[in-house]
Amino acid sequence: MLPDLSEEDLRLRYLDWCSAQVARRFLELSHDEVWLRSHFAASLPARPDPEKSHSRGPATVVERIPGSGYLELVRKTALVLARELDLPGFEEWKQSYLEDPDSFKRDMLTG
């Protein structure tokens, strides 16, 4: 049975789940595939204009990670991967999670 979860708790679980998906995808890539995505990511603007951004869900979370240099490249590469994965937005994820939370447990970092 699912305990009563606040909206904040659900958002934290959503971010956990999205982070696990991006991390899993990073680990699945060969060195060449990581390089290609990083090379593409390096050409992205440092901070997308939120008014012009067409990203949704987790991609907007990744866009807000602070950093420079190497961390900025990792942030951009994570953004590329999040977009490739086409992860659901929070509301869509929340509905699926509330219907069957057990199906998400293996894909979350904190269980």
N, C-alpha and C. Protein backbone atom coordinates (compact mmCIF):
# COMPACT_ATOMS: atom_id res chain seq x y z
N MET A 1 0.84 -1.18 0.00
CA MET A 1 0.00 0.00 0.00
C MET A 1 0.88 1.25 0.00
N LEU A 2 0.49 2.23 -0.76
CA LEU A 2 1.25 3.46 -0.91
C LEU A 2 0.93 4.42 0.23
N PRO A 3 1.98 4.87 0.96
CA PRO A 3 1.72 5.84 2.02
C PRO A 3 1.27 7.17 1.42
N ASP A 4 0.64 7.99 2.25
CA ASP A 4 0.26 9.32 1.78
C ASP A 4 1.52 10.10 1.47
N LEU A 5 1.66 10.49 0.22
CA LEU A 5 2.84 11.23 -0.21
C LEU A 5 2.44 12.65 -0.59
N SER A 6 3.25 13.60 -0.14
CA SER A 6 3.01 14.99 -0.51
C SER A 6 3.45 15.19 -1.96
N GLU A 7 3.03 16.29 -2.52
CA GLU A 7 3.45 16.63 -3.88
C GLU A 7 4.97 16.74 -3.94
N GLU A 8 5.58 17.29 -2.90
CA GLU A 8 7.04 17.42 -2.85
C GLU A 8 7.70 16.04 -2.83
N ASP A 9 7.16 15.11 -2.04
CA ASP A 9 7.69 13.75 -2.00
C ASP A 9 7.61 13.09 -3.38
N LEU A 10 6.49 13.29 -4.05
CA LEU A 10 6.34 12.72 -5.39
C LEU A 10 7.33 13.33 -6.37
N ARG A 11 7.55 14.64 -6.27
CA ARG A 11 8.53 15.29 -7.16
C ARG A 11 9.93 14.77 -6.90
N LEU A 12 10.26 14.53 -5.63
CA LEU A 12 11.58 13.98 -5.31
C LEU A 12 11.73 12.57 -5.87
N ARG A 13 10.69 11.78 -5.80
CA ARG A 13 10.73 10.43 -6.37
C ARG A 13 10.83 10.49 -7.89
N TYR A 14 10.14 11.45 -8.48
CA TYR A 14 10.22 11.66 -9.93
C TYR A 14 11.65 12.01 -10.35
N LEU A 15 12.27 12.93 -9.63
CA LEU A 15 13.65 13.31 -9.95
C LEU A 15 14.59 12.13 -9.75
N ASP A 16 14.36 11.36 -8.71
CA ASP A 16 15.14 10.15 -8.46
C ASP A 16 15.02 9.20 -9.65
N TRP A 17 13.81 8.96 -10.08
CA TRP A 17 13.56 8.04 -11.19
C TRP A 17 14.21 8.56 -12.48
N CYS A 18 14.03 9.85 -12.77
CA CYS A 18 14.63 10.44 -13.98
C CYS A 18 16.15 10.36 -13.92
N SER A 19 16.72 10.66 -12.76
CA SER A 19 18.18 10.59 -12.60
C SER A 19 18.68 9.18 -12.86
N ALA A 20 17.96 8.19 -12.36
CA ALA A 20 18.35 6.80 -12.56
C ALA A 20 18.29 6.43 -14.04
N GLN A 21 17.29 6.94 -14.77
CA GLN A 21 17.18 6.64 -16.20
C GLN A 21 18.36 7.23 -16.97
N VAL A 22 18.70 8.48 -16.67
CA VAL A 22 19.82 9.14 -17.36
C VAL A 22 21.13 8.45 -17.00
N ALA A 23 21.33 8.11 -15.72
CA ALA A 23 22.56 7.43 -15.29
C ALA A 23 22.69 6.07 -15.97
N ARG A 24 21.59 5.33 -16.03
CA ARG A 24 21.61 4.02 -16.69
C ARG A 24 22.00 4.18 -18.15
N ARG A 25 21.44 5.18 -18.82
CA ARG A 25 21.75 5.41 -20.24
C ARG A 25 23.21 5.78 -20.42
N PHE A 26 23.76 6.62 -19.54
CA PHE A 26 25.19 6.96 -19.58
C PHE A 26 26.02 5.68 -19.56
N LEU A 27 25.69 4.78 -18.65
CA LEU A 27 26.47 3.55 -18.49
C LEU A 27 26.33 2.59 -19.66
N GLU A 28 25.24 2.67 -20.38
CA GLU A 28 25.03 1.80 -21.54
C GLU A 28 25.83 2.24 -22.76
N LEU A 29 26.24 3.50 -22.79
CA LEU A 29 26.92 4.04 -23.97
C LEU A 29 28.38 3.61 -24.04
N SER A 30 28.84 3.40 -25.26
CA SER A 30 30.27 3.15 -25.46
C SER A 30 31.01 4.48 -25.30
N HIS A 31 32.32 4.42 -25.21
CA HIS A 31 33.12 5.65 -25.10
C HIS A 31 32.88 6.55 -26.31
N ASP A 32 32.79 5.95 -27.49
CA ASP A 32 32.54 6.74 -28.70
C ASP A 32 31.17 7.42 -28.67
N GLU A 33 30.17 6.70 -28.17
CA GLU A 33 28.83 7.28 -28.09
C GLU A 33 28.79 8.43 -27.08
N VAL A 34 29.49 8.28 -25.97
CA VAL A 34 29.57 9.36 -24.99
C VAL A 34 30.26 10.56 -25.62
N TRP A 35 31.36 10.32 -26.34
CA TRP A 35 32.09 11.41 -26.99
C TRP A 35 31.19 12.14 -27.98
N LEU A 36 30.44 11.39 -28.80
CA LEU A 36 29.56 12.03 -29.79
C LEU A 36 28.52 12.92 -29.11
N ARG A 37 27.92 12.41 -28.06
CA ARG A 37 26.90 13.21 -27.37
C ARG A 37 27.53 14.41 -26.66
N SER A 38 28.69 14.21 -26.08
CA SER A 38 29.39 15.32 -25.42
C SER A 38 29.81 16.37 -26.44
N HIS A 39 30.26 15.91 -27.60
CA HIS A 39 30.65 16.85 -28.66
C HIS A 39 29.44 17.68 -29.09
N PHE A 40 28.30 17.02 -29.27
CA PHE A 40 27.08 17.74 -29.61
C PHE A 40 26.68 18.68 -28.46
N ALA A 41 26.74 18.17 -27.24
CA ALA A 41 26.34 18.95 -26.07
C ALA A 41 27.20 20.21 -25.93
N ALA A 42 28.48 20.11 -26.29
CA ALA A 42 29.38 21.26 -26.17
C ALA A 42 28.92 22.41 -27.07
N SER A 43 28.18 22.10 -28.13
CA SER A 43 27.71 23.14 -29.03
C SER A 43 26.42 23.81 -28.55
N LEU A 44 25.82 23.27 -27.49
CA LEU A 44 24.60 23.87 -26.96
C LEU A 44 24.92 25.16 -26.22
N PRO A 45 23.98 26.10 -26.18
CA PRO A 45 24.21 27.32 -25.40
C PRO A 45 24.39 26.99 -23.92
N ALA A 46 25.12 27.83 -23.22
CA ALA A 46 25.40 27.58 -21.80
C ALA A 46 24.12 27.45 -21.00
N ARG A 47 23.20 28.32 -21.19
CA ARG A 47 21.91 28.26 -20.48
C ARG A 47 20.81 28.55 -21.49
N PRO A 48 19.97 27.57 -21.77
CA PRO A 48 18.87 27.83 -22.70
C PRO A 48 17.93 28.91 -22.16
N ASP A 49 17.38 29.69 -23.06
CA ASP A 49 16.40 30.71 -22.70
C ASP A 49 15.10 30.00 -22.34
N PRO A 50 14.65 30.11 -21.07
CA PRO A 50 13.43 29.40 -20.66
C PRO A 50 12.21 29.78 -21.50
N GLU A 51 12.20 31.00 -22.04
CA GLU A 51 11.07 31.43 -22.87
C GLU A 51 11.04 30.69 -24.20
N LYS A 52 12.22 30.26 -24.68
CA LYS A 52 12.31 29.61 -25.98
C LYS A 52 12.49 28.10 -25.85
N SER A 53 12.63 27.61 -24.66
CA SER A 53 12.87 26.19 -24.44
C SER A 53 11.62 25.38 -24.72
N HIS A 54 11.79 24.31 -25.50
CA HIS A 54 10.68 23.42 -25.79
C HIS A 54 10.81 22.13 -25.00
N SER A 55 11.76 22.09 -24.08
CA SER A 55 11.95 20.88 -23.29
C SER A 55 10.84 20.76 -22.27
N ARG A 56 10.68 19.54 -21.76
CA ARG A 56 9.64 19.31 -20.77
C ARG A 56 10.18 18.39 -19.71
N GLY A 57 9.52 18.36 -18.60
CA GLY A 57 9.85 17.41 -17.55
C GLY A 57 11.28 17.47 -17.09
N PRO A 58 11.96 16.31 -17.07
CA PRO A 58 13.29 16.22 -16.49
C PRO A 58 14.33 17.06 -17.21
N ALA A 59 14.15 17.31 -18.49
CA ALA A 59 15.13 18.11 -19.21
C ALA A 59 15.25 19.49 -18.59
N THR A 60 14.14 20.06 -18.14
CA THR A 60 14.21 21.38 -17.52
C THR A 60 14.93 21.32 -16.18
N VAL A 61 14.84 20.19 -15.49
CA VAL A 61 15.57 20.02 -14.24
C VAL A 61 17.07 19.99 -14.52
N VAL A 62 17.48 19.23 -15.54
CA VAL A 62 18.89 19.13 -15.89
C VAL A 62 19.43 20.49 -16.31
N GLU A 63 18.62 21.30 -16.99
CA GLU A 63 19.05 22.62 -17.43
C GLU A 63 19.44 23.52 -16.26
N ARG A 64 18.92 23.24 -15.06
CA ARG A 64 19.16 24.12 -13.91
C ARG A 64 20.37 23.70 -13.08
N ILE A 65 21.05 22.62 -13.42
CA ILE A 65 22.21 22.19 -12.63
C ILE A 65 23.33 23.21 -12.84
N PRO A 66 23.84 23.80 -11.74
CA PRO A 66 24.92 24.77 -11.89
C PRO A 66 26.24 24.08 -12.20
N GLY A 67 27.16 24.81 -12.76
CA GLY A 67 28.48 24.25 -13.02
C GLY A 67 29.16 24.97 -14.16
N SER A 68 30.44 24.70 -14.30
CA SER A 68 31.19 25.28 -15.41
C SER A 68 32.23 24.27 -15.85
N GLY A 69 32.82 24.49 -17.02
CA GLY A 69 33.85 23.59 -17.51
C GLY A 69 33.34 22.17 -17.66
N TYR A 70 34.04 21.25 -17.03
CA TYR A 70 33.70 19.83 -17.12
C TYR A 70 32.27 19.56 -16.64
N LEU A 71 31.91 20.16 -15.50
CA LEU A 71 30.56 19.94 -14.99
C LEU A 71 29.50 20.48 -15.95
N GLU A 72 29.80 21.57 -16.61
CA GLU A 72 28.86 22.12 -17.59
C GLU A 72 28.70 21.15 -18.76
N LEU A 73 29.78 20.53 -19.21
CA LEU A 73 29.71 19.55 -20.29
C LEU A 73 28.90 18.33 -19.85
N VAL A 74 29.11 17.87 -18.63
CA VAL A 74 28.34 16.73 -18.11
C VAL A 74 26.87 17.10 -18.03
N ARG A 75 26.57 18.32 -17.56
CA ARG A 75 25.19 18.78 -17.47
C ARG A 75 24.54 18.78 -18.85
N LYS A 76 25.24 19.31 -19.84
CA LYS A 76 24.70 19.37 -21.19
C LYS A 76 24.52 17.97 -21.78
N THR A 77 25.47 17.08 -21.52
CA THR A 77 25.35 15.71 -22.03
C THR A 77 24.17 15.01 -21.37
N ALA A 78 23.98 15.24 -20.07
CA ALA A 78 22.81 14.67 -19.38
C ALA A 78 21.52 15.21 -19.99
N LEU A 79 21.51 16.47 -20.37
CA LEU A 79 20.35 17.06 -21.01
C LEU A 79 20.07 16.38 -22.35
N VAL A 80 21.13 16.13 -23.13
CA VAL A 80 20.98 15.43 -24.41
C VAL A 80 20.38 14.04 -24.17
N LEU A 81 20.90 13.33 -23.18
CA LEU A 81 20.39 11.99 -22.88
C LEU A 81 18.94 12.03 -22.41
N ALA A 82 18.61 12.99 -21.56
CA ALA A 82 17.23 13.12 -21.08
C ALA A 82 16.27 13.35 -22.24
N ARG A 83 16.69 14.16 -23.19
CA ARG A 83 15.85 14.41 -24.36
C ARG A 83 15.73 13.15 -25.22
N GLU A 84 16.85 12.43 -25.40
CA GLU A 84 16.82 11.19 -26.18
C GLU A 84 15.87 10.17 -25.56
N LEU A 85 15.87 10.09 -24.25
CA LEU A 85 15.03 9.12 -23.55
C LEU A 85 13.55 9.49 -23.60
N ASP A 86 13.26 10.75 -23.90
CA ASP A 86 11.88 11.23 -23.96
C ASP A 86 11.10 10.82 -22.71
N LEU A 87 11.68 11.14 -21.57
CA LEU A 87 11.06 10.80 -20.29
C LEU A 87 9.75 11.55 -20.12
N PRO A 88 8.80 10.95 -19.43
CA PRO A 88 7.51 11.62 -19.25
C PRO A 88 7.64 12.85 -18.35
N GLY A 89 6.74 13.79 -18.54
CA GLY A 89 6.66 14.92 -17.64
C GLY A 89 6.16 14.46 -16.28
N PHE A 90 6.25 15.34 -15.29
CA PHE A 90 5.89 14.96 -13.92
C PHE A 90 4.47 14.44 -13.80
N GLU A 91 3.50 15.15 -14.36
CA GLU A 91 2.09 14.75 -14.20
C GLU A 91 1.83 13.37 -14.78
N GLU A 92 2.38 13.10 -15.95
CA GLU A 92 2.21 11.78 -16.58
C GLU A 92 2.86 10.69 -15.73
N TRP A 93 4.10 10.97 -15.26
CA TRP A 93 4.81 10.02 -14.40
C TRP A 93 4.04 9.78 -13.11
N LYS A 94 3.56 10.85 -12.50
CA LYS A 94 2.84 10.77 -11.22
C LYS A 94 1.63 9.85 -11.34
N GLN A 95 0.86 10.01 -12.40
CA GLN A 95 -0.32 9.18 -12.60
C GLN A 95 0.08 7.71 -12.69
N SER A 96 1.10 7.40 -13.47
CA SER A 96 1.57 6.02 -13.61
C SER A 96 2.12 5.49 -12.29
N TYR A 97 2.86 6.33 -11.59
CA TYR A 97 3.45 5.92 -10.31
C TYR A 97 2.37 5.61 -9.28
N LEU A 98 1.38 6.47 -9.18
CA LEU A 98 0.32 6.26 -8.20
C LEU A 98 -0.52 5.01 -8.51
N GLU A 99 -0.62 4.66 -9.79
CA GLU A 99 -1.35 3.46 -10.18
C GLU A 99 -0.58 2.19 -9.83
N ASP A 100 0.77 2.23 -9.96
CA ASP A 100 1.57 1.02 -9.71
C ASP A 100 2.99 1.40 -9.26
N PRO A 101 3.15 1.83 -8.01
CA PRO A 101 4.47 2.26 -7.53
C PRO A 101 5.52 1.16 -7.54
N ASP A 102 5.10 -0.09 -7.37
CA ASP A 102 6.07 -1.18 -7.35
C ASP A 102 6.81 -1.34 -8.68
N SER A 103 6.16 -0.97 -9.77
CA SER A 103 6.81 -1.11 -11.08
C SER A 103 7.95 -0.11 -11.26
N PHE A 104 8.05 0.89 -10.39
CA PHE A 104 9.10 1.91 -10.49
C PHE A 104 10.27 1.65 -9.54
N LYS A 105 10.06 0.80 -8.54
CA LYS A 105 11.07 0.62 -7.49
C LYS A 105 12.44 0.21 -8.02
N ARG A 106 12.47 -0.71 -8.97
CA ARG A 106 13.76 -1.18 -9.47
C ARG A 106 14.49 -0.12 -10.29
N ASP A 107 13.75 0.89 -10.74
CA ASP A 107 14.33 1.95 -11.56
C ASP A 107 14.63 3.22 -10.78
N MET A 108 14.60 3.14 -9.45
CA MET A 108 14.87 4.32 -8.64
C MET A 108 16.15 4.10 -7.84
N LEU A 109 16.85 5.18 -7.58
CA LEU A 109 18.11 5.10 -6.86
C LEU A 109 17.89 4.84 -5.37
N THR A 110 16.84 5.41 -4.80
CA THR A 110 16.63 5.30 -3.36
C THR A 110 15.65 4.21 -2.95
N GLY A 111 15.03 3.55 -3.92
CA GLY A 111 14.11 2.45 -3.62
C GLY A 111 12.99 2.89 -2.84
